[in-house]
Amino acid sequence: MPRYTYRCAACEETMVIRHSVDDKQHNCGVCGESDVLERLLSTINLHKTSAPQKEAAGSLVKEHIESTREEIKDMKEKLKHNWVQDE
């Protein structure tokens, strides 16, 4: 069953109540007042079932390093070529 967070307008207590989606809570279980509960926004808990793959990250880094090396090599050749023409 889902958990919902409520705040009582009368006693200002915050509580977590489990109930079905169709049920609505109106009465405070702490002070006993009726029609005083306000449902608050709750965070969602998501659990990842599989562990991250370290190989994927490692291969991405390797690819980036190799592409950067190629770019640097090309830049050096262009600079060398421009330097020779300037002389």
N, C-alpha and C. Protein backbone atom coordinates (compact mmCIF):
# COMPACT_ATOMS: atom_id res chain seq x y z
N MET A 1 0.83 -1.18 0.00
CA MET A 1 0.00 0.00 0.00
C MET A 1 0.87 1.25 0.00
N PRO A 2 0.41 2.28 -0.69
CA PRO A 2 1.19 3.52 -0.73
C PRO A 2 1.17 4.26 0.61
N ARG A 3 2.22 5.02 0.85
CA ARG A 3 2.30 5.85 2.05
C ARG A 3 2.04 7.29 1.66
N TYR A 4 1.26 7.98 2.47
CA TYR A 4 0.94 9.38 2.23
C TYR A 4 1.29 10.19 3.47
N THR A 5 1.79 11.39 3.24
CA THR A 5 2.14 12.28 4.34
C THR A 5 1.04 13.32 4.49
N TYR A 6 0.56 13.45 5.73
CA TYR A 6 -0.50 14.41 6.04
C TYR A 6 -0.03 15.37 7.12
N ARG A 7 -0.64 16.56 7.12
CA ARG A 7 -0.41 17.53 8.19
C ARG A 7 -1.77 17.94 8.72
N CYS A 8 -1.88 17.95 10.05
CA CYS A 8 -3.13 18.33 10.70
C CYS A 8 -3.17 19.86 10.84
N ALA A 9 -4.27 20.46 10.39
CA ALA A 9 -4.42 21.92 10.49
C ALA A 9 -4.68 22.35 11.93
N ALA A 10 -5.21 21.45 12.77
CA ALA A 10 -5.52 21.82 14.15
C ALA A 10 -4.29 21.74 15.05
N CYS A 11 -3.61 20.60 15.08
CA CYS A 11 -2.47 20.44 15.99
C CYS A 11 -1.12 20.60 15.29
N GLU A 12 -1.13 20.74 13.96
CA GLU A 12 0.07 20.94 13.13
C GLU A 12 1.06 19.78 13.19
N GLU A 13 0.59 18.60 13.56
CA GLU A 13 1.44 17.40 13.53
C GLU A 13 1.50 16.86 12.11
N THR A 14 2.64 16.31 11.75
CA THR A 14 2.82 15.66 10.46
C THR A 14 2.89 14.17 10.69
N MET A 15 2.18 13.42 9.84
CA MET A 15 2.15 11.96 10.01
C MET A 15 2.16 11.27 8.66
N VAL A 16 2.64 10.04 8.66
CA VAL A 16 2.64 9.22 7.46
C VAL A 16 1.61 8.12 7.67
N ILE A 17 0.68 8.01 6.71
CA ILE A 17 -0.40 7.03 6.82
C ILE A 17 -0.39 6.17 5.57
N ARG A 18 -0.50 4.85 5.77
CA ARG A 18 -0.60 3.92 4.65
C ARG A 18 -2.07 3.62 4.40
N HIS A 19 -2.47 3.78 3.15
CA HIS A 19 -3.83 3.41 2.76
C HIS A 19 -3.88 3.27 1.25
N SER A 20 -4.98 2.71 0.74
CA SER A 20 -5.09 2.51 -0.70
C SER A 20 -5.30 3.85 -1.40
N VAL A 21 -5.14 3.84 -2.69
CA VAL A 21 -5.25 5.06 -3.47
C VAL A 21 -6.66 5.63 -3.38
N ASP A 22 -7.65 4.78 -3.30
CA ASP A 22 -9.05 5.22 -3.27
C ASP A 22 -9.46 5.81 -1.93
N ASP A 23 -8.80 5.42 -0.85
CA ASP A 23 -9.18 5.92 0.48
C ASP A 23 -8.70 7.35 0.67
N LYS A 24 -9.47 8.11 1.42
CA LYS A 24 -9.10 9.48 1.78
C LYS A 24 -9.12 9.60 3.29
N GLN A 25 -8.12 10.25 3.85
CA GLN A 25 -8.03 10.45 5.30
C GLN A 25 -8.45 11.88 5.63
N HIS A 26 -9.29 12.03 6.64
CA HIS A 26 -9.77 13.36 7.01
C HIS A 26 -9.58 13.64 8.50
N ASN A 27 -9.54 12.59 9.31
CA ASN A 27 -9.50 12.76 10.76
C ASN A 27 -8.09 12.56 11.29
N CYS A 28 -7.68 13.45 12.19
CA CYS A 28 -6.34 13.38 12.79
C CYS A 28 -6.31 12.30 13.86
N GLY A 29 -5.33 11.43 13.77
CA GLY A 29 -5.15 10.37 14.75
C GLY A 29 -4.47 10.86 16.02
N VAL A 30 -3.90 12.07 16.01
CA VAL A 30 -3.20 12.61 17.17
C VAL A 30 -4.15 13.40 18.06
N CYS A 31 -4.82 14.39 17.47
CA CYS A 31 -5.70 15.25 18.29
C CYS A 31 -7.16 14.85 18.21
N GLY A 32 -7.55 14.02 17.23
CA GLY A 32 -8.92 13.55 17.13
C GLY A 32 -9.86 14.46 16.37
N GLU A 33 -9.39 15.58 15.90
CA GLU A 33 -10.24 16.51 15.13
C GLU A 33 -10.61 15.88 13.80
N SER A 34 -11.77 16.26 13.26
CA SER A 34 -12.21 15.70 11.98
C SER A 34 -12.11 16.76 10.89
N ASP A 35 -11.92 16.31 9.68
CA ASP A 35 -11.79 17.16 8.49
C ASP A 35 -10.69 18.22 8.61
N VAL A 36 -9.54 17.81 9.16
CA VAL A 36 -8.43 18.76 9.34
C VAL A 36 -7.13 18.31 8.67
N LEU A 37 -7.12 17.13 8.06
CA LEU A 37 -5.88 16.63 7.45
C LEU A 37 -5.70 17.17 6.05
N GLU A 38 -4.48 17.58 5.76
CA GLU A 38 -4.09 18.05 4.44
C GLU A 38 -2.98 17.15 3.93
N ARG A 39 -3.17 16.55 2.77
CA ARG A 39 -2.15 15.66 2.23
C ARG A 39 -1.03 16.50 1.64
N LEU A 40 0.21 16.16 2.00
CA LEU A 40 1.40 16.87 1.54
C LEU A 40 2.03 16.11 0.38
N LEU A 41 2.80 16.81 -0.42
CA LEU A 41 3.53 16.16 -1.49
C LEU A 41 4.63 15.29 -0.89
N SER A 42 4.77 14.10 -1.41
CA SER A 42 5.77 13.17 -0.90
C SER A 42 6.82 12.92 -1.96
N THR A 43 7.99 12.51 -1.52
CA THR A 43 9.03 12.13 -2.46
C THR A 43 8.79 10.71 -2.92
N ILE A 44 9.32 10.40 -4.09
CA ILE A 44 9.18 9.05 -4.64
C ILE A 44 10.48 8.31 -4.40
N ASN A 45 10.38 7.10 -3.90
CA ASN A 45 11.56 6.26 -3.68
C ASN A 45 11.68 5.27 -4.82
N LEU A 46 12.72 5.42 -5.60
CA LEU A 46 12.98 4.50 -6.70
C LEU A 46 14.24 3.71 -6.38
N HIS A 47 14.19 2.42 -6.61
CA HIS A 47 15.34 1.56 -6.34
C HIS A 47 15.83 1.01 -7.67
N LYS A 48 17.09 1.22 -7.93
CA LYS A 48 17.69 0.68 -9.14
C LYS A 48 18.04 -0.78 -8.89
N THR A 49 17.60 -1.64 -9.78
CA THR A 49 17.79 -3.07 -9.56
C THR A 49 19.14 -3.59 -10.07
N SER A 50 19.72 -2.90 -11.04
CA SER A 50 21.00 -3.40 -11.56
C SER A 50 22.11 -2.41 -11.22
N ALA A 51 23.28 -2.95 -11.01
CA ALA A 51 24.45 -2.13 -10.69
C ALA A 51 24.95 -1.45 -11.96
N PRO A 52 25.48 -0.24 -11.83
CA PRO A 52 26.01 0.44 -13.04
C PRO A 52 27.19 -0.33 -13.61
N GLN A 53 27.30 -0.30 -14.91
CA GLN A 53 28.39 -1.01 -15.56
C GLN A 53 29.60 -0.09 -15.66
N LYS A 54 30.68 -0.52 -15.01
CA LYS A 54 31.90 0.28 -15.00
C LYS A 54 32.60 0.23 -16.35
N GLU A 55 32.41 -0.85 -17.06
CA GLU A 55 33.05 -0.98 -18.37
C GLU A 55 32.55 0.09 -19.33
N ALA A 56 31.26 0.39 -19.27
CA ALA A 56 30.70 1.38 -20.18
C ALA A 56 31.35 2.74 -19.93
N ALA A 57 31.49 3.13 -18.68
CA ALA A 57 32.11 4.42 -18.36
C ALA A 57 33.57 4.42 -18.80
N GLY A 58 34.27 3.35 -18.54
CA GLY A 58 35.68 3.25 -18.92
C GLY A 58 35.87 3.33 -20.42
N SER A 59 35.00 2.67 -21.17
CA SER A 59 35.14 2.70 -22.63
C SER A 59 34.81 4.09 -23.17
N LEU A 60 33.87 4.78 -22.54
CA LEU A 60 33.55 6.15 -22.96
C LEU A 60 34.75 7.08 -22.74
N VAL A 61 35.41 6.92 -21.62
CA VAL A 61 36.59 7.74 -21.33
C VAL A 61 37.69 7.44 -22.35
N LYS A 62 37.91 6.16 -22.64
CA LYS A 62 38.93 5.79 -23.61
C LYS A 62 38.64 6.39 -24.98
N GLU A 63 37.37 6.32 -25.41
CA GLU A 63 36.98 6.88 -26.70
C GLU A 63 37.23 8.39 -26.72
N HIS A 64 36.90 9.06 -25.65
CA HIS A 64 37.10 10.50 -25.58
C HIS A 64 38.60 10.85 -25.64
N ILE A 65 39.40 10.11 -24.92
CA ILE A 65 40.85 10.36 -24.93
C ILE A 65 41.41 10.15 -26.34
N GLU A 66 41.01 9.09 -27.00
CA GLU A 66 41.50 8.82 -28.36
C GLU A 66 41.06 9.90 -29.34
N SER A 67 39.81 10.33 -29.24
CA SER A 67 39.35 11.38 -30.16
C SER A 67 40.08 12.70 -29.88
N THR A 68 40.36 12.98 -28.63
CA THR A 68 41.10 14.19 -28.28
C THR A 68 42.53 14.12 -28.81
N ARG A 69 43.15 12.97 -28.71
CA ARG A 69 44.50 12.80 -29.25
C ARG A 69 44.52 13.07 -30.75
N GLU A 70 43.52 12.56 -31.47
CA GLU A 70 43.43 12.77 -32.91
C GLU A 70 43.26 14.26 -33.23
N GLU A 71 42.41 14.93 -32.45
CA GLU A 71 42.19 16.37 -32.67
C GLU A 71 43.49 17.15 -32.44
N ILE A 72 44.22 16.81 -31.39
CA ILE A 72 45.49 17.49 -31.10
C ILE A 72 46.50 17.24 -32.21
N LYS A 73 46.56 16.02 -32.70
CA LYS A 73 47.48 15.67 -33.79
C LYS A 73 47.14 16.49 -35.04
N ASP A 74 45.85 16.58 -35.37
CA ASP A 74 45.43 17.37 -36.53
C ASP A 74 45.76 18.85 -36.34
N MET A 75 45.54 19.38 -35.16
CA MET A 75 45.84 20.78 -34.88
C MET A 75 47.33 21.06 -35.01
N LYS A 76 48.17 20.15 -34.53
CA LYS A 76 49.62 20.31 -34.64
C LYS A 76 50.03 20.36 -36.11
N GLU A 77 49.46 19.49 -36.92
CA GLU A 77 49.79 19.45 -38.35
C GLU A 77 49.38 20.75 -39.03
N LYS A 78 48.19 21.26 -38.69
CA LYS A 78 47.74 22.53 -39.28
C LYS A 78 48.65 23.68 -38.87
N LEU A 79 49.01 23.72 -37.59
CA LEU A 79 49.90 24.78 -37.11
C LEU A 79 51.27 24.68 -37.76
N LYS A 80 51.77 23.48 -37.89
CA LYS A 80 53.07 23.26 -38.53
C LYS A 80 53.02 23.71 -39.98
N HIS A 81 51.94 23.38 -40.65
CA HIS A 81 51.76 23.77 -42.04
C HIS A 81 51.66 25.29 -42.17
N ASN A 82 50.93 25.95 -41.29
CA ASN A 82 50.80 27.41 -41.31
C ASN A 82 52.13 28.09 -40.99
N TRP A 83 52.90 27.53 -40.10
CA TRP A 83 54.18 28.11 -39.72
C TRP A 83 55.16 28.07 -40.87
N VAL A 84 55.16 26.96 -41.59
CA VAL A 84 56.05 26.79 -42.73
C VAL A 84 55.68 27.79 -43.82
N GLN A 85 54.40 28.03 -44.05
CA GLN A 85 53.97 28.99 -45.08
C GLN A 85 54.33 30.42 -44.72
N ASP A 86 54.36 30.76 -43.43
CA ASP A 86 54.66 32.12 -43.00
C ASP A 86 56.13 32.47 -43.18
N GLU A 87 56.99 31.52 -43.30
CA GLU A 87 58.42 31.80 -43.42
C GLU A 87 58.83 32.20 -44.79
